[in-house]
N, C-alpha and C. Protein backbone atom coordinates (compact mmCIF):
# COMPACT_ATOMS: atom_id res chain seq x y z
N MET A 1 46.51 -115.22 -116.46
CA MET A 1 45.73 -114.06 -116.83
C MET A 1 44.90 -113.64 -115.61
N THR A 2 44.90 -112.36 -115.31
CA THR A 2 44.17 -111.88 -114.14
C THR A 2 42.68 -111.73 -114.45
N ASN A 3 41.88 -111.62 -113.39
CA ASN A 3 40.45 -111.40 -113.59
C ASN A 3 40.19 -110.10 -114.34
N GLU A 4 41.01 -109.08 -114.09
CA GLU A 4 40.83 -107.80 -114.78
C GLU A 4 41.01 -107.96 -116.28
N LEU A 5 42.02 -108.72 -116.70
CA LEU A 5 42.23 -108.93 -118.12
C LEU A 5 41.09 -109.73 -118.73
N LEU A 6 40.60 -110.72 -118.02
CA LEU A 6 39.47 -111.49 -118.53
C LEU A 6 38.24 -110.60 -118.68
N LEU A 7 38.01 -109.75 -117.70
CA LEU A 7 36.86 -108.84 -117.77
C LEU A 7 36.99 -107.92 -118.97
N ASN A 8 38.19 -107.40 -119.21
CA ASN A 8 38.39 -106.51 -120.34
C ASN A 8 38.11 -107.23 -121.66
N GLN A 9 38.48 -108.49 -121.77
CA GLN A 9 38.19 -109.24 -122.98
C GLN A 9 36.68 -109.41 -123.17
N GLU A 10 35.96 -109.62 -122.09
CA GLU A 10 34.51 -109.75 -122.18
C GLU A 10 33.85 -108.45 -122.59
N LEU A 11 34.45 -107.32 -122.24
CA LEU A 11 33.86 -106.02 -122.55
C LEU A 11 33.84 -105.73 -124.05
N ILE A 12 34.68 -106.41 -124.78
CA ILE A 12 34.81 -106.11 -126.20
C ILE A 12 33.50 -106.36 -126.96
N ALA A 13 32.73 -107.36 -126.56
CA ALA A 13 31.43 -107.65 -127.18
C ALA A 13 31.52 -107.71 -128.70
N PRO A 14 32.38 -108.59 -129.24
CA PRO A 14 32.56 -108.61 -130.70
C PRO A 14 31.29 -108.97 -131.46
N ASP A 15 30.40 -109.76 -130.87
CA ASP A 15 29.15 -110.11 -131.56
C ASP A 15 28.30 -108.87 -131.80
N LEU A 16 28.19 -108.03 -130.79
CA LEU A 16 27.37 -106.82 -130.92
C LEU A 16 28.06 -105.76 -131.77
N SER A 17 29.35 -105.58 -131.59
CA SER A 17 30.09 -104.63 -132.42
C SER A 17 30.01 -105.03 -133.88
N GLY A 18 30.13 -106.32 -134.15
CA GLY A 18 30.04 -106.82 -135.51
C GLY A 18 28.68 -106.58 -136.14
N ARG A 19 27.64 -106.76 -135.34
CA ARG A 19 26.27 -106.51 -135.84
C ARG A 19 26.10 -105.03 -136.17
N VAL A 20 26.55 -104.15 -135.28
CA VAL A 20 26.48 -102.71 -135.52
C VAL A 20 27.27 -102.36 -136.79
N ALA A 21 28.46 -102.92 -136.91
CA ALA A 21 29.30 -102.66 -138.09
C ALA A 21 28.59 -103.05 -139.37
N ASP A 22 28.01 -104.25 -139.39
CA ASP A 22 27.30 -104.72 -140.59
C ASP A 22 26.17 -103.78 -140.98
N LEU A 23 25.39 -103.35 -140.00
CA LEU A 23 24.26 -102.47 -140.27
C LEU A 23 24.71 -101.11 -140.78
N LEU A 24 25.76 -100.57 -140.18
CA LEU A 24 26.27 -99.27 -140.63
C LEU A 24 26.86 -99.36 -142.03
N LEU A 25 27.59 -100.42 -142.29
CA LEU A 25 28.18 -100.60 -143.62
C LEU A 25 27.10 -100.75 -144.69
N GLN A 26 26.03 -101.48 -144.38
CA GLN A 26 24.92 -101.63 -145.33
C GLN A 26 24.32 -100.29 -145.69
N LYS A 27 24.27 -99.38 -144.72
CA LYS A 27 23.68 -98.06 -144.94
C LYS A 27 24.69 -97.05 -145.48
N GLY A 28 25.99 -97.39 -145.40
CA GLY A 28 27.01 -96.44 -145.79
C GLY A 28 27.18 -95.30 -144.79
N TRP A 29 26.91 -95.59 -143.52
CA TRP A 29 26.94 -94.59 -142.46
C TRP A 29 28.17 -94.73 -141.57
N MET A 30 28.50 -93.62 -140.92
CA MET A 30 29.49 -93.60 -139.86
C MET A 30 28.75 -93.35 -138.55
N MET A 31 29.38 -93.69 -137.43
CA MET A 31 28.78 -93.46 -136.12
C MET A 31 29.76 -92.79 -135.19
N ALA A 32 29.23 -92.29 -134.08
CA ALA A 32 30.05 -91.72 -133.01
C ALA A 32 29.49 -92.20 -131.68
N THR A 33 30.33 -92.13 -130.65
CA THR A 33 29.89 -92.44 -129.30
C THR A 33 30.13 -91.23 -128.41
N ALA A 34 29.29 -91.10 -127.38
CA ALA A 34 29.46 -90.08 -126.35
C ALA A 34 29.35 -90.82 -125.03
N GLU A 35 30.47 -90.94 -124.33
CA GLU A 35 30.50 -91.79 -123.14
C GLU A 35 30.92 -91.02 -121.90
N SER A 36 30.21 -91.32 -120.82
CA SER A 36 30.59 -90.80 -119.52
C SER A 36 31.01 -91.98 -118.65
N CYS A 37 30.07 -92.72 -118.10
CA CYS A 37 30.39 -93.77 -117.12
C CYS A 37 31.23 -94.91 -117.68
N THR A 38 31.23 -95.11 -118.98
CA THR A 38 32.03 -96.19 -119.58
C THR A 38 33.42 -95.73 -119.99
N GLY A 39 33.68 -94.46 -119.98
CA GLY A 39 35.03 -93.95 -120.22
C GLY A 39 35.71 -94.41 -121.49
N GLY A 40 34.96 -94.68 -122.54
CA GLY A 40 35.57 -95.07 -123.81
C GLY A 40 35.49 -96.55 -124.12
N LEU A 41 34.87 -97.33 -123.24
CA LEU A 41 34.80 -98.78 -123.47
C LEU A 41 33.96 -99.15 -124.69
N ILE A 42 32.93 -98.36 -124.97
CA ILE A 42 32.11 -98.65 -126.15
C ILE A 42 32.91 -98.37 -127.42
N ALA A 43 33.60 -97.26 -127.45
CA ALA A 43 34.46 -96.95 -128.60
C ALA A 43 35.53 -98.02 -128.76
N ALA A 44 36.08 -98.49 -127.65
CA ALA A 44 37.10 -99.55 -127.71
C ALA A 44 36.50 -100.83 -128.29
N ALA A 45 35.28 -101.16 -127.87
CA ALA A 45 34.62 -102.37 -128.39
C ALA A 45 34.42 -102.26 -129.90
N CYS A 46 34.07 -101.07 -130.36
CA CYS A 46 33.87 -100.86 -131.79
C CYS A 46 35.18 -100.92 -132.56
N THR A 47 36.17 -100.22 -132.07
CA THR A 47 37.43 -100.12 -132.82
C THR A 47 38.32 -101.34 -132.64
N ASP A 48 37.90 -102.29 -131.82
CA ASP A 48 38.63 -103.55 -131.72
C ASP A 48 38.47 -104.37 -133.00
N LEU A 49 37.44 -104.08 -133.77
CA LEU A 49 37.22 -104.80 -135.02
C LEU A 49 38.09 -104.21 -136.13
N ALA A 50 38.76 -105.07 -136.85
CA ALA A 50 39.55 -104.63 -138.00
C ALA A 50 38.63 -103.98 -139.02
N GLY A 51 39.07 -102.90 -139.60
CA GLY A 51 38.27 -102.20 -140.61
C GLY A 51 37.24 -101.26 -140.04
N SER A 52 37.28 -101.02 -138.74
CA SER A 52 36.26 -100.17 -138.12
C SER A 52 36.30 -98.72 -138.61
N SER A 53 37.40 -98.31 -139.20
CA SER A 53 37.47 -96.94 -139.71
C SER A 53 36.48 -96.71 -140.86
N ALA A 54 35.91 -97.76 -141.40
CA ALA A 54 34.92 -97.63 -142.46
C ALA A 54 33.55 -97.24 -141.93
N TRP A 55 33.33 -97.39 -140.61
CA TRP A 55 32.01 -97.10 -140.04
C TRP A 55 32.04 -96.39 -138.68
N PHE A 56 33.21 -96.34 -138.04
CA PHE A 56 33.33 -95.66 -136.75
C PHE A 56 34.12 -94.37 -136.94
N ASP A 57 33.47 -93.23 -136.69
CA ASP A 57 34.12 -91.93 -136.90
C ASP A 57 34.92 -91.49 -135.69
N ARG A 58 34.27 -91.42 -134.52
CA ARG A 58 34.96 -90.92 -133.33
C ARG A 58 34.17 -91.21 -132.08
N GLY A 59 34.89 -91.11 -130.96
CA GLY A 59 34.26 -91.25 -129.66
C GLY A 59 34.59 -90.04 -128.79
N PHE A 60 33.59 -89.57 -128.09
CA PHE A 60 33.77 -88.47 -127.14
C PHE A 60 33.70 -89.07 -125.74
N ILE A 61 34.73 -88.86 -124.95
CA ILE A 61 34.70 -89.26 -123.55
C ILE A 61 34.46 -87.98 -122.76
N THR A 62 33.23 -87.84 -122.29
CA THR A 62 32.82 -86.61 -121.61
C THR A 62 32.45 -86.96 -120.18
N TYR A 63 33.45 -87.22 -119.40
CA TYR A 63 33.26 -87.67 -118.02
C TYR A 63 32.75 -86.54 -117.12
N SER A 64 33.27 -85.36 -117.31
CA SER A 64 32.85 -84.23 -116.47
C SER A 64 31.68 -83.50 -117.13
N ASN A 65 30.96 -82.74 -116.31
CA ASN A 65 29.87 -81.92 -116.84
C ASN A 65 30.41 -80.87 -117.81
N ALA A 66 31.56 -80.31 -117.49
CA ALA A 66 32.16 -79.31 -118.37
C ALA A 66 32.48 -79.90 -119.73
N ALA A 67 32.94 -81.14 -119.77
CA ALA A 67 33.25 -81.80 -121.04
C ALA A 67 31.98 -82.04 -121.86
N LYS A 68 30.90 -82.41 -121.18
CA LYS A 68 29.63 -82.61 -121.88
C LYS A 68 29.20 -81.31 -122.57
N THR A 69 29.40 -80.21 -121.90
CA THR A 69 29.03 -78.91 -122.46
C THR A 69 30.00 -78.50 -123.57
N ALA A 70 31.29 -78.59 -123.31
CA ALA A 70 32.29 -78.12 -124.28
C ALA A 70 32.37 -78.99 -125.53
N GLN A 71 32.33 -80.30 -125.37
CA GLN A 71 32.54 -81.19 -126.52
C GLN A 71 31.25 -81.55 -127.26
N LEU A 72 30.13 -81.61 -126.52
CA LEU A 72 28.89 -82.08 -127.13
C LEU A 72 27.81 -81.00 -127.21
N GLY A 73 28.07 -79.84 -126.61
CA GLY A 73 27.09 -78.77 -126.64
C GLY A 73 25.90 -78.98 -125.72
N VAL A 74 26.05 -79.85 -124.71
CA VAL A 74 24.97 -80.04 -123.75
C VAL A 74 24.83 -78.77 -122.93
N ASP A 75 23.64 -78.22 -122.86
CA ASP A 75 23.39 -76.99 -122.13
C ASP A 75 23.66 -77.21 -120.65
N ALA A 76 24.50 -76.38 -120.06
CA ALA A 76 24.85 -76.49 -118.64
C ALA A 76 23.61 -76.37 -117.76
N THR A 77 22.63 -75.59 -118.19
CA THR A 77 21.38 -75.45 -117.44
C THR A 77 20.63 -76.77 -117.38
N LEU A 78 20.67 -77.52 -118.46
CA LEU A 78 20.04 -78.84 -118.52
C LEU A 78 20.66 -79.76 -117.48
N ILE A 79 21.98 -79.74 -117.39
CA ILE A 79 22.69 -80.57 -116.40
C ILE A 79 22.33 -80.11 -114.99
N ALA A 80 22.30 -78.79 -114.77
CA ALA A 80 21.98 -78.26 -113.45
C ALA A 80 20.56 -78.63 -113.02
N GLN A 81 19.63 -78.60 -113.95
CA GLN A 81 18.23 -78.89 -113.64
C GLN A 81 17.95 -80.37 -113.42
N HIS A 82 18.56 -81.22 -114.23
CA HIS A 82 18.23 -82.64 -114.22
C HIS A 82 19.33 -83.55 -113.69
N GLY A 83 20.54 -83.05 -113.62
CA GLY A 83 21.69 -83.86 -113.25
C GLY A 83 22.30 -84.51 -114.48
N ALA A 84 23.57 -84.85 -114.39
CA ALA A 84 24.27 -85.45 -115.53
C ALA A 84 23.70 -86.80 -115.90
N VAL A 85 23.20 -87.53 -114.91
CA VAL A 85 22.62 -88.85 -115.14
C VAL A 85 21.12 -88.67 -115.26
N SER A 86 20.67 -88.36 -116.48
CA SER A 86 19.25 -88.09 -116.70
C SER A 86 18.91 -88.29 -118.18
N GLN A 87 17.63 -88.44 -118.43
CA GLN A 87 17.15 -88.60 -119.79
C GLN A 87 17.49 -87.39 -120.66
N PRO A 88 17.20 -86.16 -120.22
CA PRO A 88 17.51 -85.02 -121.09
C PRO A 88 18.99 -84.91 -121.44
N VAL A 89 19.86 -85.23 -120.49
CA VAL A 89 21.30 -85.13 -120.76
C VAL A 89 21.75 -86.25 -121.70
N ALA A 90 21.27 -87.47 -121.50
CA ALA A 90 21.63 -88.57 -122.41
C ALA A 90 21.19 -88.27 -123.83
N GLU A 91 19.98 -87.74 -123.97
CA GLU A 91 19.49 -87.39 -125.30
C GLU A 91 20.30 -86.26 -125.92
N ALA A 92 20.64 -85.25 -125.12
CA ALA A 92 21.45 -84.14 -125.62
C ALA A 92 22.85 -84.61 -126.01
N MET A 93 23.40 -85.55 -125.26
CA MET A 93 24.71 -86.10 -125.60
C MET A 93 24.67 -86.82 -126.95
N ALA A 94 23.62 -87.60 -127.19
CA ALA A 94 23.50 -88.33 -128.46
C ALA A 94 23.35 -87.36 -129.62
N ARG A 95 22.46 -86.36 -129.45
CA ARG A 95 22.30 -85.35 -130.51
C ARG A 95 23.61 -84.60 -130.74
N GLY A 96 24.29 -84.24 -129.65
CA GLY A 96 25.54 -83.51 -129.76
C GLY A 96 26.63 -84.30 -130.46
N ALA A 97 26.68 -85.60 -130.20
CA ALA A 97 27.69 -86.45 -130.86
C ALA A 97 27.44 -86.49 -132.36
N CYS A 98 26.18 -86.62 -132.77
CA CYS A 98 25.85 -86.59 -134.21
C CYS A 98 26.25 -85.26 -134.82
N ALA A 99 25.88 -84.19 -134.14
CA ALA A 99 26.16 -82.85 -134.67
C ALA A 99 27.65 -82.56 -134.75
N GLN A 100 28.37 -82.84 -133.69
CA GLN A 100 29.81 -82.53 -133.65
C GLN A 100 30.61 -83.39 -134.62
N ALA A 101 30.20 -84.65 -134.78
CA ALA A 101 30.93 -85.55 -135.67
C ALA A 101 30.41 -85.47 -137.11
N GLY A 102 29.21 -84.92 -137.29
CA GLY A 102 28.62 -84.88 -138.62
C GLY A 102 28.25 -86.25 -139.13
N VAL A 103 27.72 -87.08 -138.24
CA VAL A 103 27.34 -88.45 -138.60
C VAL A 103 25.84 -88.63 -138.39
N PRO A 104 25.23 -89.61 -139.06
CA PRO A 104 23.80 -89.83 -138.91
C PRO A 104 23.41 -90.68 -137.69
N ALA A 105 24.38 -91.27 -137.01
CA ALA A 105 24.05 -92.18 -135.91
C ALA A 105 25.07 -92.07 -134.78
N ALA A 106 24.53 -92.01 -133.56
CA ALA A 106 25.40 -91.94 -132.38
C ALA A 106 24.68 -92.57 -131.19
N LEU A 107 25.48 -92.99 -130.24
CA LEU A 107 24.93 -93.47 -128.98
C LEU A 107 25.64 -92.77 -127.84
N ALA A 108 24.92 -92.63 -126.72
CA ALA A 108 25.46 -91.93 -125.56
C ALA A 108 25.08 -92.66 -124.29
N VAL A 109 25.98 -92.62 -123.31
CA VAL A 109 25.71 -93.22 -122.00
C VAL A 109 26.18 -92.28 -120.90
N THR A 110 25.38 -92.21 -119.85
CA THR A 110 25.74 -91.44 -118.66
C THR A 110 25.12 -92.15 -117.47
N GLY A 111 25.94 -92.44 -116.47
CA GLY A 111 25.42 -93.22 -115.36
C GLY A 111 26.28 -93.17 -114.12
N VAL A 112 25.86 -93.97 -113.14
CA VAL A 112 26.56 -94.10 -111.87
C VAL A 112 27.10 -95.52 -111.78
N ALA A 113 28.38 -95.69 -112.10
CA ALA A 113 28.98 -97.02 -112.11
C ALA A 113 29.38 -97.49 -110.70
N GLY A 114 29.59 -96.56 -109.79
CA GLY A 114 29.92 -96.91 -108.40
C GLY A 114 31.39 -97.13 -108.17
N PRO A 115 31.77 -97.53 -107.01
CA PRO A 115 30.90 -97.91 -105.90
C PRO A 115 30.30 -96.71 -105.16
N THR A 116 30.78 -95.50 -105.42
CA THR A 116 30.22 -94.32 -104.77
C THR A 116 29.48 -93.49 -105.81
N GLY A 117 28.85 -92.41 -105.35
CA GLY A 117 28.21 -91.48 -106.26
C GLY A 117 26.72 -91.67 -106.42
N GLY A 118 26.18 -92.74 -105.88
CA GLY A 118 24.75 -92.98 -106.00
C GLY A 118 23.94 -92.14 -105.02
N SER A 119 22.64 -92.07 -105.28
CA SER A 119 21.71 -91.37 -104.40
C SER A 119 20.41 -92.17 -104.35
N ALA A 120 19.46 -91.72 -103.56
CA ALA A 120 18.17 -92.42 -103.48
C ALA A 120 17.47 -92.42 -104.84
N ASP A 121 17.55 -91.31 -105.57
CA ASP A 121 16.91 -91.21 -106.88
C ASP A 121 17.71 -91.91 -107.99
N LYS A 122 19.03 -91.90 -107.82
CA LYS A 122 19.91 -92.48 -108.84
C LYS A 122 20.95 -93.37 -108.14
N PRO A 123 20.54 -94.57 -107.74
CA PRO A 123 21.48 -95.45 -107.04
C PRO A 123 22.57 -95.97 -107.98
N VAL A 124 23.61 -96.50 -107.40
CA VAL A 124 24.68 -97.12 -108.18
C VAL A 124 24.05 -98.14 -109.13
N GLY A 125 24.49 -98.11 -110.36
CA GLY A 125 23.96 -99.00 -111.38
C GLY A 125 22.95 -98.33 -112.31
N THR A 126 22.57 -97.08 -111.99
CA THR A 126 21.64 -96.33 -112.84
C THR A 126 22.39 -95.82 -114.06
N VAL A 127 21.85 -96.11 -115.24
CA VAL A 127 22.46 -95.63 -116.48
C VAL A 127 21.36 -95.13 -117.40
N TRP A 128 21.56 -93.94 -117.95
CA TRP A 128 20.69 -93.41 -118.99
C TRP A 128 21.41 -93.56 -120.33
N PHE A 129 20.68 -94.04 -121.31
CA PHE A 129 21.18 -94.25 -122.67
C PHE A 129 20.47 -93.29 -123.60
N GLY A 130 21.20 -92.81 -124.59
CA GLY A 130 20.61 -92.01 -125.66
C GLY A 130 21.14 -92.52 -126.99
N TRP A 131 20.25 -92.66 -127.95
CA TRP A 131 20.63 -93.07 -129.30
C TRP A 131 20.00 -92.08 -130.27
N CYS A 132 20.79 -91.63 -131.21
CA CYS A 132 20.29 -90.71 -132.24
C CYS A 132 20.55 -91.37 -133.59
N VAL A 133 19.48 -91.62 -134.33
CA VAL A 133 19.59 -92.25 -135.64
C VAL A 133 18.81 -91.38 -136.62
N GLN A 134 19.53 -90.73 -137.51
CA GLN A 134 18.97 -89.82 -138.51
C GLN A 134 18.02 -88.81 -137.87
N GLY A 135 18.47 -88.20 -136.79
CA GLY A 135 17.71 -87.16 -136.13
C GLY A 135 16.65 -87.64 -135.15
N GLN A 136 16.34 -88.92 -135.16
CA GLN A 136 15.37 -89.49 -134.22
C GLN A 136 16.11 -89.90 -132.95
N VAL A 137 15.68 -89.37 -131.82
CA VAL A 137 16.36 -89.65 -130.55
C VAL A 137 15.51 -90.62 -129.73
N HIS A 138 16.17 -91.62 -129.21
CA HIS A 138 15.56 -92.62 -128.33
C HIS A 138 16.37 -92.63 -127.04
N SER A 139 15.70 -92.90 -125.94
CA SER A 139 16.42 -92.98 -124.67
C SER A 139 15.81 -94.05 -123.79
N GLU A 140 16.59 -94.47 -122.82
CA GLU A 140 16.15 -95.53 -121.92
C GLU A 140 16.97 -95.48 -120.64
N ARG A 141 16.32 -95.79 -119.55
CA ARG A 141 17.01 -95.88 -118.25
C ARG A 141 17.08 -97.34 -117.86
N MET A 142 18.25 -97.75 -117.42
CA MET A 142 18.45 -99.12 -116.95
C MET A 142 19.06 -99.07 -115.56
N GLN A 143 18.81 -100.11 -114.81
CA GLN A 143 19.39 -100.26 -113.47
C GLN A 143 20.13 -101.60 -113.47
N PHE A 144 21.46 -101.56 -113.45
CA PHE A 144 22.26 -102.77 -113.52
C PHE A 144 22.80 -103.15 -112.14
N PRO A 145 22.78 -104.43 -111.81
CA PRO A 145 23.33 -104.88 -110.54
C PRO A 145 24.84 -105.09 -110.64
N GLY A 146 25.48 -105.21 -109.48
CA GLY A 146 26.88 -105.58 -109.45
C GLY A 146 27.82 -104.44 -109.13
N ASP A 147 29.09 -104.77 -109.21
CA ASP A 147 30.13 -103.79 -108.91
C ASP A 147 30.39 -102.90 -110.14
N ARG A 148 31.35 -102.01 -110.01
CA ARG A 148 31.68 -101.05 -111.08
C ARG A 148 31.93 -101.74 -112.42
N ALA A 149 32.74 -102.79 -112.40
CA ALA A 149 33.06 -103.50 -113.64
C ALA A 149 31.80 -104.12 -114.26
N ALA A 150 30.95 -104.70 -113.43
CA ALA A 150 29.72 -105.32 -113.94
C ALA A 150 28.78 -104.30 -114.54
N VAL A 151 28.65 -103.15 -113.89
CA VAL A 151 27.77 -102.09 -114.41
C VAL A 151 28.30 -101.58 -115.75
N ARG A 152 29.58 -101.35 -115.84
CA ARG A 152 30.16 -100.86 -117.09
C ARG A 152 30.04 -101.89 -118.21
N HIS A 153 30.27 -103.16 -117.88
CA HIS A 153 30.15 -104.24 -118.86
C HIS A 153 28.72 -104.31 -119.39
N ALA A 154 27.76 -104.31 -118.48
CA ALA A 154 26.35 -104.36 -118.88
C ALA A 154 25.97 -103.15 -119.72
N THR A 155 26.53 -102.00 -119.40
CA THR A 155 26.24 -100.77 -120.15
C THR A 155 26.73 -100.88 -121.58
N VAL A 156 27.95 -101.38 -121.78
CA VAL A 156 28.50 -101.55 -123.12
C VAL A 156 27.60 -102.46 -123.94
N ARG A 157 27.25 -103.60 -123.37
CA ARG A 157 26.44 -104.58 -124.09
C ARG A 157 25.05 -104.02 -124.43
N HIS A 158 24.43 -103.37 -123.48
CA HIS A 158 23.08 -102.85 -123.73
C HIS A 158 23.11 -101.72 -124.76
N ALA A 159 24.10 -100.85 -124.67
CA ALA A 159 24.19 -99.74 -125.62
C ALA A 159 24.32 -100.24 -127.05
N LEU A 160 25.16 -101.23 -127.25
CA LEU A 160 25.37 -101.77 -128.60
C LEU A 160 24.18 -102.60 -129.08
N ALA A 161 23.60 -103.39 -128.19
CA ALA A 161 22.46 -104.23 -128.57
C ALA A 161 21.27 -103.38 -129.02
N ARG A 162 20.95 -102.37 -128.24
CA ARG A 162 19.80 -101.51 -128.59
C ARG A 162 20.11 -100.68 -129.84
N PHE A 163 21.36 -100.25 -129.98
CA PHE A 163 21.77 -99.49 -131.16
C PHE A 163 21.55 -100.35 -132.41
N ALA A 164 21.94 -101.61 -132.35
CA ALA A 164 21.74 -102.51 -133.49
C ALA A 164 20.25 -102.64 -133.82
N GLU A 165 19.41 -102.73 -132.80
CA GLU A 165 17.96 -102.80 -133.04
C GLU A 165 17.47 -101.55 -133.76
N LEU A 166 17.94 -100.39 -133.31
CA LEU A 166 17.49 -99.13 -133.91
C LEU A 166 18.01 -98.96 -135.33
N LEU A 167 19.20 -99.47 -135.60
CA LEU A 167 19.76 -99.37 -136.94
C LEU A 167 19.10 -100.34 -137.91
N GLY A 168 18.64 -101.47 -137.37
CA GLY A 168 18.05 -102.52 -138.21
C GLY A 168 16.71 -102.11 -138.71
């Protein structure tokens, strides 16, 4: 088994996905994801669980700015003013995922996974998170160390862990 395959198995985060699933099922809710830097890894972690169709509605992979606007309704002016990797955009992505999917809960991530694309203000490893739970939006900025795979792995785990806290 290659290191890449081992890393992919670690990304699944079944403990966190299972906790999110239990909380959503208890509430009778569905969820959605809006992902940029993780490219669908959070949705994959969720749907790796059997029976996830009972609580996971859909995932939006909005890697480009145009996709964020077209699929999630993120205002292009917001992206131009703050950049795609920002608190306002992460929050708008989370709200947009709830609205577009018609679900009460969503999480969103936008960041710089690297190895290129970083800046002095937003170095590689910078990730903005947005969570929307019944219209209440929460956001957080994290700075993760490591290479692209490590940043994406940490992003998946943090997104799900904090989501579980907010759902609980």
